Amino acid sequence: QVQLVESGGGLVQTGGSLRVSCAASGRSFSGYAVAWFRQAPGKEREFVACFSRSGGFTYYGDSVKGRFTLSRDNAKKTVYLQMNSLKLEDTGVYYCAAGRGVITSSLGNHRAYTSWGQGTQVTVVA
């Protein structure tokens, strides 16, 4: 399995930007769907964005469309989530996840992913 390490979280004001990273160790993301989920205190884990297994498609949760952008650097085995126009409700722990057998209809389901990072805190303040 691929091991994942997130970084780049922090404190930012509303309307600001932040980029979080997910680095793979041990092996590359080749053949894996790679996703970001987030979880706020007392709430369910929420789908944010993902790459399909082929890497050729990206999907975004409705609440972040137009504000967040996924990108990847295969040479660095790293996936990035650029977050712009941040809102208070974007606050939470952001988790990177990867899975080899994630079909298209399950890309937004956190239960479909088998590898998880430790999470990175993103806090948006007024």
Protein backbone atom coordinates (compact mmCIF):
# COMPACT_ATOMS: atom_id res chain seq x y z
CA GLN A 1 0.00 0.00 0.00
CA VAL A 2 1.01 3.56 -0.53
CA GLN A 3 1.82 5.65 2.55
CA LEU A 4 0.55 9.21 2.57
CA VAL A 5 1.78 12.32 4.35
CA GLU A 6 -0.14 15.60 4.26
CA SER A 7 1.34 19.01 4.87
CA GLY A 8 0.58 22.66 4.35
CA GLY A 9 -2.37 23.26 6.61
CA GLY A 10 -2.60 26.35 8.75
CA LEU A 11 -4.57 29.40 9.76
CA VAL A 12 -5.95 31.74 7.12
CA GLN A 13 -8.50 34.54 6.96
CA THR A 14 -11.72 34.28 5.00
CA GLY A 15 -11.12 34.98 1.35
CA GLY A 16 -7.53 33.84 1.60
CA SER A 17 -5.70 30.95 -0.01
CA LEU A 18 -3.85 27.90 1.16
CA ARG A 19 -2.27 24.91 -0.52
CA VAL A 20 -2.10 21.49 1.08
CA SER A 21 0.07 18.67 -0.18
CA CYS A 22 -0.12 14.90 -0.11
CA ALA A 23 3.13 13.06 -0.64
CA ALA A 24 3.33 9.35 -1.32
CA SER A 25 6.11 7.23 0.06
CA GLY A 26 7.03 3.71 -0.84
CA ARG A 27 5.38 3.80 -4.23
CA SER A 28 3.81 6.24 -6.64
CA PHE A 29 0.15 7.10 -7.13
CA SER A 30 0.09 5.23 -10.43
CA GLY A 31 -3.11 3.22 -10.63
CA TYR A 32 -4.57 4.82 -7.53
CA ALA A 33 -7.52 7.14 -7.19
CA VAL A 34 -6.34 9.96 -4.92
CA ALA A 35 -8.77 12.08 -2.98
CA TRP A 36 -9.06 14.77 -0.37
CA PHE A 37 -11.67 14.56 2.33
CA ARG A 38 -12.23 16.89 5.24
CA GLN A 39 -13.85 16.59 8.60
CA ALA A 40 -15.05 19.31 10.91
CA PRO A 41 -15.72 18.65 14.60
CA GLY A 42 -18.97 16.80 15.08
CA LYS A 43 -19.52 16.34 11.36
CA GLU A 44 -19.23 13.50 8.90
CA ARG A 45 -16.16 13.16 6.70
CA GLU A 46 -16.87 15.13 3.54
CA PHE A 47 -15.60 14.57 0.03
CA VAL A 48 -13.58 17.51 -1.31
CA ALA A 49 -11.89 16.48 -4.55
CA CYS A 50 -10.20 13.58 -6.27
CA PHE A 51 -8.26 12.27 -9.22
CA SER A 52 -9.60 9.18 -10.92
CA ARG A 53 -7.40 6.05 -11.02
CA SER A 54 -6.10 7.00 -14.43
CA GLY A 55 -5.36 10.49 -13.24
CA GLY A 56 -7.17 11.80 -16.26
CA PHE A 57 -10.28 13.05 -14.50
CA THR A 58 -10.85 15.28 -11.53
CA TYR A 59 -14.00 15.62 -9.47
CA TYR A 60 -14.94 18.19 -6.89
CA GLY A 61 -17.48 18.38 -4.15
CA ASP A 62 -20.25 20.89 -4.76
CA SER A 63 -19.16 23.09 -1.88
CA VAL A 64 -15.67 23.66 -3.31
CA LYS A 65 -16.27 23.77 -7.06
CA GLY A 66 -14.76 26.84 -8.62
CA ARG A 67 -12.63 27.56 -5.54
CA PHE A 68 -10.41 24.51 -5.09
CA THR A 69 -8.08 22.99 -7.66
CA LEU A 70 -6.28 19.67 -7.73
CA SER A 71 -2.90 19.20 -9.33
CA ARG A 72 -0.14 16.64 -9.19
CA ASP A 73 3.57 16.29 -9.69
CA ASN A 74 4.24 12.67 -10.61
CA ALA A 75 8.00 13.07 -10.34
CA LYS A 76 7.60 14.20 -6.73
CA LYS A 77 4.79 11.70 -6.07
CA THR A 78 2.75 14.55 -4.68
CA VAL A 79 -0.82 15.73 -5.09
CA TYR A 80 -1.75 19.31 -4.27
CA LEU A 81 -5.00 20.94 -3.32
CA GLN A 82 -5.03 24.66 -3.97
CA MET A 83 -7.76 26.33 -1.94
CA ASN A 84 -8.86 29.84 -2.84
CA SER A 85 -11.62 32.12 -1.58
CA LEU A 86 -11.67 30.22 1.67
CA LYS A 87 -14.76 30.34 3.83
CA LEU A 88 -15.32 29.71 7.51
CA GLU A 89 -17.05 26.45 6.63
CA ASP A 90 -13.88 25.15 4.96
CA THR A 91 -12.37 24.70 8.41
CA GLY A 92 -11.51 21.13 9.29
CA VAL A 93 -8.92 18.41 9.18
CA TYR A 94 -8.02 17.63 5.60
CA TYR A 95 -7.16 14.04 4.81
CA CYS A 96 -5.52 12.59 1.75
CA ALA A 97 -6.66 9.13 0.70
CA ALA A 98 -5.73 6.67 -2.00
CA GLY A 99 -7.25 3.48 -3.32
CA ARG A 100 -6.54 1.13 -6.19
CA GLY A 101 -9.98 -0.33 -6.67
CA VAL A 102 -12.08 2.81 -6.46
CA ILE A 103 -14.63 2.87 -9.24
CA THR A 104 -16.05 6.09 -10.60
CA SER A 105 -19.33 5.85 -8.71
CA SER A 106 -17.43 5.45 -5.41
CA LEU A 107 -14.89 8.23 -5.80
CA GLY A 108 -16.75 10.42 -3.31
CA ASN A 109 -17.15 7.67 -0.73
CA HIS A 110 -14.45 7.67 1.94
CA ARG A 111 -15.11 3.98 2.63
CA ALA A 112 -13.76 3.11 -0.82
CA TYR A 113 -10.23 4.26 0.03
CA THR A 114 -7.70 2.03 1.74
CA SER A 115 -4.76 4.33 2.46
CA TRP A 116 -5.02 7.48 4.56
CA GLY A 117 -2.70 10.17 5.75
CA GLN A 118 -2.69 11.57 9.26
CA GLY A 119 -4.51 14.75 8.26
CA THR A 120 -3.61 18.41 8.31
CA GLN A 121 -5.61 21.12 10.06
CA VAL A 122 -7.02 24.00 8.05
CA THR A 123 -8.58 26.80 10.07
CA VAL A 124 -10.34 29.72 8.42
CA VAL A 125 -11.04 32.73 10.62
CA ALA A 126 -12.96 35.93 10.05
